[in-house]
C-alpha atoms as a PDB file:
ATOM      1  CA  MET A   1      10.923  46.878 -54.554  1.00  0.00           C
ATOM      2  CA  GLN A   2       9.267  44.215 -52.554  1.00  0.00           C
ATOM      3  CA  ASP A   3       6.812  44.974 -49.740  1.00  0.00           C
ATOM      4  CA  PRO A   4       8.021  44.332 -46.313  1.00  0.00           C
ATOM      5  CA  GLN A   5       4.733  42.937 -45.137  1.00  0.00           C
ATOM      6  CA  PRO A   6       4.696  39.490 -46.766  1.00  0.00           C
ATOM      7  CA  THR A   7       8.209  38.808 -45.426  1.00  0.00           C
ATOM      8  CA  ALA A   8       7.056  39.761 -41.806  1.00  0.00           C
ATOM      9  CA  LYS A   9       4.082  37.529 -42.201  1.00  0.00           C
ATOM     10  CA  ARG A  10       6.138  34.635 -43.461  1.00  0.00           C
ATOM     11  CA  ARG A  11       8.624  34.877 -40.601  1.00  0.00           C
ATOM     12  CA  LEU A  12       5.738  35.014 -38.222  1.00  0.00           C
ATOM     13  CA  MET A  13       4.165  31.887 -39.756  1.00  0.00           C
ATOM     14  CA  ARG A  14       7.604  30.171 -39.701  1.00  0.00           C
ATOM     15  CA  VAL A  15       7.988  30.987 -35.941  1.00  0.00           C
ATOM     16  CA  LEU A  16       4.446  29.831 -35.160  1.00  0.00           C
ATOM     17  CA  LEU A  17       4.944  26.555 -37.175  1.00  0.00           C
ATOM     18  CA  ARG A  18       8.143  25.648 -35.408  1.00  0.00           C
ATOM     19  CA  THR A  19       6.624  26.436 -31.870  1.00  0.00           C
ATOM     20  CA  PHE A  20       3.646  24.351 -32.817  1.00  0.00           C
ATOM     21  CA  GLU A  21       6.008  21.502 -33.911  1.00  0.00           C
ATOM     22  CA  TRP A  22       7.989  21.905 -30.665  1.00  0.00           C
ATOM     23  CA  LEU A  23       4.771  21.697 -28.526  1.00  0.00           C
ATOM     24  CA  ILE A  24       3.595  18.801 -30.326  1.00  0.00           C
ATOM     25  CA  GLY A  25       6.831  16.931 -29.644  1.00  0.00           C
ATOM     26  CA  ILE A  26       6.896  17.864 -26.064  1.00  0.00           C
ATOM     27  CA  ALA A  27       3.368  16.667 -25.594  1.00  0.00           C
ATOM     28  CA  LEU A  28       4.344  13.309 -27.316  1.00  0.00           C
ATOM     29  CA  ILE A  29       7.315  12.756 -24.975  1.00  0.00           C
ATOM     30  CA  ILE A  30       5.069  13.592 -21.977  1.00  0.00           C
ATOM     31  CA  LEU A  31       2.551  11.181 -22.977  1.00  0.00           C
ATOM     32  CA  ILE A  32       4.961   8.320 -23.649  1.00  0.00           C
ATOM     33  CA  VAL A  33       6.717   8.925 -20.367  1.00  0.00           C
ATOM     34  CA  THR A  34       3.408   9.147 -18.469  1.00  0.00           C
ATOM     35  CA  GLY A  35       2.247   5.843 -20.166  1.00  0.00           C
ATOM     36  CA  PHE A  36       5.425   4.152 -19.173  1.00  0.00           C
ATOM     37  CA  VAL A  37       5.291   5.337 -15.586  1.00  0.00           C
ATOM     38  CA  LEU A  38       1.634   4.467 -15.130  1.00  0.00           C
ATOM     39  CA  THR A  39       1.899   1.118 -16.641  1.00  0.00           C
ATOM     40  CA  ASN A  40       4.974   0.147 -14.404  1.00  0.00           C
ATOM     41  CA  LEU A  41       3.947   1.778 -11.233  1.00  0.00           C
ATOM     42  CA  PRO A  42       0.978  -0.487  -9.914  1.00  0.00           C
ATOM     43  CA  LYS A  43       2.292  -2.851  -7.155  1.00  0.00           C
ATOM     44  CA  ILE A  44       0.152  -5.972  -7.305  1.00  0.00           C
ATOM     45  CA  SER A  45       1.387  -8.648  -4.733  1.00  0.00           C
ATOM     46  CA  ALA A  46       0.403 -12.246  -4.151  1.00  0.00           C
ATOM     47  CA  ASP A  47      -0.087 -13.474  -0.654  1.00  0.00           C
ATOM     48  CA  VAL A  48      -0.396 -17.167   0.698  1.00  0.00           C
ATOM     49  CA  SER A  49      -1.848 -17.896   4.131  1.00  0.00           C
ATOM     50  CA  GLY A  50      -2.091 -21.379   5.361  1.00  0.00           C
ATOM     51  CA  SER A  51      -4.875 -23.468   6.557  1.00  0.00           C
ATOM     52  CA  LEU A  52      -6.031 -23.488  10.141  1.00  0.00           C
ATOM     53  CA  ARG A  53      -5.674 -27.304   9.988  1.00  0.00           C
ATOM     54  CA  SER A  54      -2.276 -28.957  10.013  1.00  0.00           C
ATOM     55  CA  ASN A  55      -1.058 -30.507   6.892  1.00  0.00           C
ATOM     56  CA  ASP A  56      -3.929 -29.071   4.858  1.00  0.00           C
ATOM     57  CA  LEU A  57      -2.718 -27.747   1.530  1.00  0.00           C
ATOM     58  CA  MET A  58      -6.211 -27.519   0.265  1.00  0.00           C
ATOM     59  CA  GLY A  59      -7.283 -24.976   2.900  1.00  0.00           C
ATOM     60  CA  THR A  60      -4.578 -22.664   1.910  1.00  0.00           C
ATOM     61  CA  VAL A  61      -5.915 -18.998   0.930  1.00  0.00           C
ATOM     62  CA  PHE A  62      -4.418 -17.352  -2.065  1.00  0.00           C
ATOM     63  CA  SER A  63      -5.037 -13.689  -2.333  1.00  0.00           C
ATOM     64  CA  LEU A  64      -3.743 -10.646  -4.376  1.00  0.00           C
ATOM     65  CA  SER A  65      -3.441  -7.153  -2.905  1.00  0.00           C
ATOM     66  CA  ASN A  66      -3.005  -3.714  -4.275  1.00  0.00           C
ATOM     67  CA  GLN A  67      -0.060  -2.045  -2.729  1.00  0.00           C
ATOM     68  CA  ALA A  68      -0.144   1.195  -4.867  1.00  0.00           C
ATOM     69  CA  SER A  69      -1.507   4.392  -3.879  1.00  0.00           C
ATOM     70  CA  TRP A  70      -4.235   4.504  -6.291  1.00  0.00           C
ATOM     71  CA  PRO A  71      -6.780   1.719  -7.639  1.00  0.00           C
ATOM     72  CA  VAL A  72      -6.413  -0.651 -10.593  1.00  0.00           C
ATOM     73  CA  TYR A  73      -9.246  -1.654 -12.786  1.00  0.00           C
ATOM     74  CA  ASP A  74     -10.565  -4.675 -14.568  1.00  0.00           C
ATOM     75  CA  VAL A  75      -8.642  -7.101 -12.460  1.00  0.00           C
ATOM     76  CA  LYS A  76      -8.919 -10.862 -13.416  1.00  0.00           C
ATOM     77  CA  ALA A  77      -7.035 -13.541 -11.544  1.00  0.00           C
ATOM     78  CA  GLY A  78      -6.764 -17.370 -12.008  1.00  0.00           C
ATOM     79  CA  CYS A  79      -4.476 -20.129 -11.471  1.00  0.00           C
ATOM     80  CA  GLU A  80      -2.226 -21.887 -14.051  1.00  0.00           C
ATOM     81  CA  ILE A  81      -1.140 -25.223 -12.752  1.00  0.00           C
ATOM     82  CA  LEU A  82       2.375 -26.364 -13.754  1.00  0.00           C
ATOM     83  CA  ARG A  83       2.347 -29.709 -12.076  1.00  0.00           C
ATOM     84  CA  VAL A  84       0.525 -31.596  -9.327  1.00  0.00           C
ATOM     85  CA  ASP A  85       2.002 -34.919  -8.217  1.00  0.00           C
ATOM     86  CA  GLU A  86       0.545 -37.109  -5.668  1.00  0.00           C
ATOM     87  CA  LEU A  87       2.768 -39.445  -3.704  1.00  0.00           C
ATOM     88  CA  PRO A  88       0.664 -42.219  -1.866  1.00  0.00           C
ATOM     89  CA  PRO A  89       1.961 -43.421   1.447  1.00  0.00           C
ATOM     90  CA  GLY A  90       4.120 -46.459   1.083  1.00  0.00           C
ATOM     91  CA  ASN A  91       4.561 -46.174  -2.713  1.00  0.00           C
ATOM     92  CA  ARG A  92       7.269 -43.706  -3.491  1.00  0.00           C
ATOM     93  CA  HIS A  93       7.590 -44.697  -7.210  1.00  0.00           C
ATOM     94  CA  PHE A  94       3.964 -43.834  -8.122  1.00  0.00           C
ATOM     95  CA  VAL A  95       3.376 -40.310  -9.250  1.00  0.00           C
ATOM     96  CA  GLY A  96      -0.185 -39.359 -10.459  1.00  0.00           C
ATOM     97  CA  SER A  97      -0.305 -36.066 -12.286  1.00  0.00           C
ATOM     98  CA  ALA A  98      -3.538 -34.223 -13.284  1.00  0.00           C
ATOM     99  CA  THR A  99      -4.600 -31.052 -14.893  1.00  0.00           C
ATOM    100  CA  PHE A 100      -6.924 -28.786 -12.938  1.00  0.00           C
ATOM    101  CA  TYR A 101      -9.133 -26.036 -14.137  1.00  0.00           C
ATOM    102  CA  PHE A 102      -9.857 -23.222 -11.865  1.00  0.00           C
ATOM    103  CA  PRO A 103     -12.381 -20.610 -11.580  1.00  0.00           C
ATOM    104  CA  GLU A 104     -11.403 -16.954 -12.190  1.00  0.00           C
ATOM    105  CA  SER A 105     -11.612 -14.215  -9.625  1.00  0.00           C
ATOM    106  CA  ARG A 106     -12.802 -10.974 -11.069  1.00  0.00           C
ATOM    107  CA  ASN A 107     -13.044  -7.346  -9.553  1.00  0.00           C
ATOM    108  CA  GLU A 108     -13.916  -4.134 -11.416  1.00  0.00           C
ATOM    109  CA  ILE A 109     -11.696  -1.975  -9.062  1.00  0.00           C
ATOM    110  CA  LEU A 110      -9.076  -3.276  -6.608  1.00  0.00           C
ATOM    111  CA  SER A 111      -8.622  -0.152  -4.303  1.00  0.00           C
ATOM    112  CA  PRO A 112      -5.304   0.372  -2.521  1.00  0.00           C
ATOM    113  CA  LYS A 113      -4.759  -2.122   0.406  1.00  0.00           C
ATOM    114  CA  GLN A 114      -7.787  -4.019  -0.811  1.00  0.00           C
ATOM    115  CA  LYS A 115      -7.391  -7.892  -1.192  1.00  0.00           C
ATOM    116  CA  LEU A 116      -8.748 -10.178  -3.664  1.00  0.00           C
ATOM    117  CA  THR A 117      -9.236 -13.802  -2.851  1.00  0.00           C
ATOM    118  CA  VAL A 118      -8.162 -16.274  -5.706  1.00  0.00           C
ATOM    119  CA  PRO A 119      -9.978 -19.770  -5.270  1.00  0.00           C
ATOM    120  CA  CYS A 120      -6.943 -22.021  -6.054  1.00  0.00           C
ATOM    121  CA  GLY A 121      -6.947 -23.870  -2.881  1.00  0.00           C
ATOM    122  CA  ARG A 122     -10.547 -24.627  -3.034  1.00  0.00           C
ATOM    123  CA  ALA A 123     -10.377 -26.072  -6.620  1.00  0.00           C
ATOM    124  CA  ILE A 124      -7.464 -28.332  -5.759  1.00  0.00           C
ATOM    125  CA  ALA A 125      -9.492 -29.595  -2.565  1.00  0.00           C
ATOM    126  CA  THR A 126     -12.390 -30.766  -4.858  1.00  0.00           C
ATOM    127  CA  LYS A 127     -10.083 -32.402  -7.411  1.00  0.00           C
ATOM    128  CA  LEU A 128      -7.945 -34.463  -4.749  1.00  0.00           C
ATOM    129  CA  ASP A 129     -10.400 -36.547  -2.847  1.00  0.00           C
ATOM    130  CA  SER A 130      -7.950 -38.925  -1.359  1.00  0.00           C
ATOM    131  CA  SER A 131      -7.249 -38.226   2.300  1.00  0.00           C
ATOM    132  CA  GLU A 132      -4.535 -40.985   2.306  1.00  0.00           C
ATOM    133  CA  THR A 133      -2.073 -38.751   0.069  1.00  0.00           C
ATOM    134  CA  ALA A 134       1.169 -38.275   2.093  1.00  0.00           C
ATOM    135  CA  GLU A 135       2.616 -35.834  -0.237  1.00  0.00           C
ATOM    136  CA  ILE A 136       1.572 -33.490  -2.906  1.00  0.00           C
ATOM    137  CA  HIS A 137       4.265 -31.711  -4.960  1.00  0.00           C
ATOM    138  CA  ALA A 138       2.638 -28.899  -6.846  1.00  0.00           C
ATOM    139  CA  GLU A 139       3.798 -25.869  -8.783  1.00  0.00           C
ATOM    140  CA  MET A 140       1.438 -23.074 -10.191  1.00  0.00           C
ATOM    141  CA  PHE A 141       1.237 -19.474 -11.205  1.00  0.00           C
ATOM    142  CA  ILE A 142      -1.345 -16.947  -9.995  1.00  0.00           C
ATOM    143  CA  VAL A 143      -1.974 -15.100 -13.314  1.00  0.00           C
ATOM    144  CA  VAL A 144      -3.281 -11.504 -12.998  1.00  0.00           C
ATOM    145  CA  SER A 145      -4.356  -9.121 -15.630  1.00  0.00           C
ATOM    146  CA  PHE A 146      -5.307  -5.550 -14.702  1.00  0.00           C
ATOM    147  CA  ARG A 147      -5.625  -1.948 -16.034  1.00  0.00           C
ATOM    148  CA  PRO A 148      -3.780   0.793 -14.348  1.00  0.00           C
ATOM    149  CA  GLY A 149      -5.706   3.933 -13.811  1.00  0.00           C
ATOM    150  CA  GLY A 150      -5.862   6.270 -16.608  1.00  0.00           C
ATOM    151  CA  LEU A 151      -4.821   3.676 -19.199  1.00  0.00           C
ATOM    152  CA  TRP A 152      -6.953   1.592 -21.714  1.00  0.00           C
ATOM    153  CA  TRP A 153      -4.560  -1.300 -22.046  1.00  0.00           C
ATOM    154  CA  LEU A 154      -4.158  -4.376 -19.644  1.00  0.00           C
ATOM    155  CA  LYS A 155      -0.991  -5.413 -18.008  1.00  0.00           C
ATOM    156  CA  SER A 156      -0.441  -9.073 -16.768  1.00  0.00           C
ATOM    157  CA  GLU A 157       1.768 -10.572 -14.251  1.00  0.00           C
ATOM    158  CA  LYS A 158       2.469 -14.160 -12.985  1.00  0.00           C
ATOM    159  CA  PHE A 159       3.159 -14.995  -9.376  1.00  0.00           C
ATOM    160  CA  PRO A 160       4.802 -18.555  -8.944  1.00  0.00           C
ATOM    161  CA  MET A 161       3.784 -20.772  -6.055  1.00  0.00           C
ATOM    162  CA  ARG A 162       4.876 -24.261  -5.051  1.00  0.00           C
ATOM    163  CA  THR A 163       4.422 -26.714  -2.300  1.00  0.00           C
ATOM    164  CA  GLU A 164       7.196 -27.280   0.268  1.00  0.00           C
ATOM    165  CA  LYS A 165       7.642 -29.485   3.267  1.00  0.00           C
ATOM    166  CA  THR A 166       8.371 -27.626   6.499  1.00  0.00           C
ATOM    167  CA  GLU A 167      10.809 -28.882   9.229  1.00  0.00           C
ATOM    168  CA  ASN A 168       7.919 -30.389  11.324  1.00  0.00           C
ATOM    169  CA  GLY A 169       6.873 -32.518   8.180  1.00  0.00           C
ATOM    170  CA  THR A 170       3.710 -30.552   7.014  1.00  0.00           C
ATOM    171  CA  TRP A 171       3.248 -29.515   3.637  1.00  0.00           C
ATOM    172  CA  ILE A 172       2.463 -25.736   2.726  1.00  0.00           C
ATOM    173  CA  TRP A 173       2.325 -23.491  -0.328  1.00  0.00           C
ATOM    174  CA  LYS A 174       5.170 -21.010  -0.653  1.00  0.00           C
ATOM    175  CA  SER A 175       5.518 -18.025  -2.868  1.00  0.00           C
ATOM    176  CA  ILE A 176       8.397 -18.305  -5.085  1.00  0.00           C
ATOM    177  CA  PRO A 177      10.255 -14.821  -5.464  1.00  0.00           C
ATOM    178  CA  LYS A 178      10.198 -13.359  -8.965  1.00  0.00           C
ATOM    179  CA  ASP A 179      13.647 -12.766 -10.645  1.00  0.00           C
END
């Protein structure tokens, strides 16, 4: 006859092993869901505010703000120019395009409701010295990378911007809604 003790121990070990596997599975699912939620929850938005002077595209202030309830970390923002076309007055056939390089804005922590200025307008102003330019057609992205709280990987977003002529004839920067 067999001793009943080893059978009871084996059953107990099997139950403990299944319980341990079940707990590990639940913990992995919780980690995956938490990572997904934390990665997709931060709400960074781009704002554009016009210059105080009329028809001054270069005096425009670009900024990012954190609309979430908690901070984001390791924030880097810069401008990626797609196109800048200058149309001088009286010559509608000449289009002068240029490539511009912009300094990055950095912030270790972007707290809720805090704004970070991105120096795109100031950089364009240093590159375009012609005050006779009648129209400037430009398109760009504000490119942002940041790390949501509690995670070690970076997330990046692009906010499209372009110049647009208003009803009164002035040129302003406008945010293009993301799809």
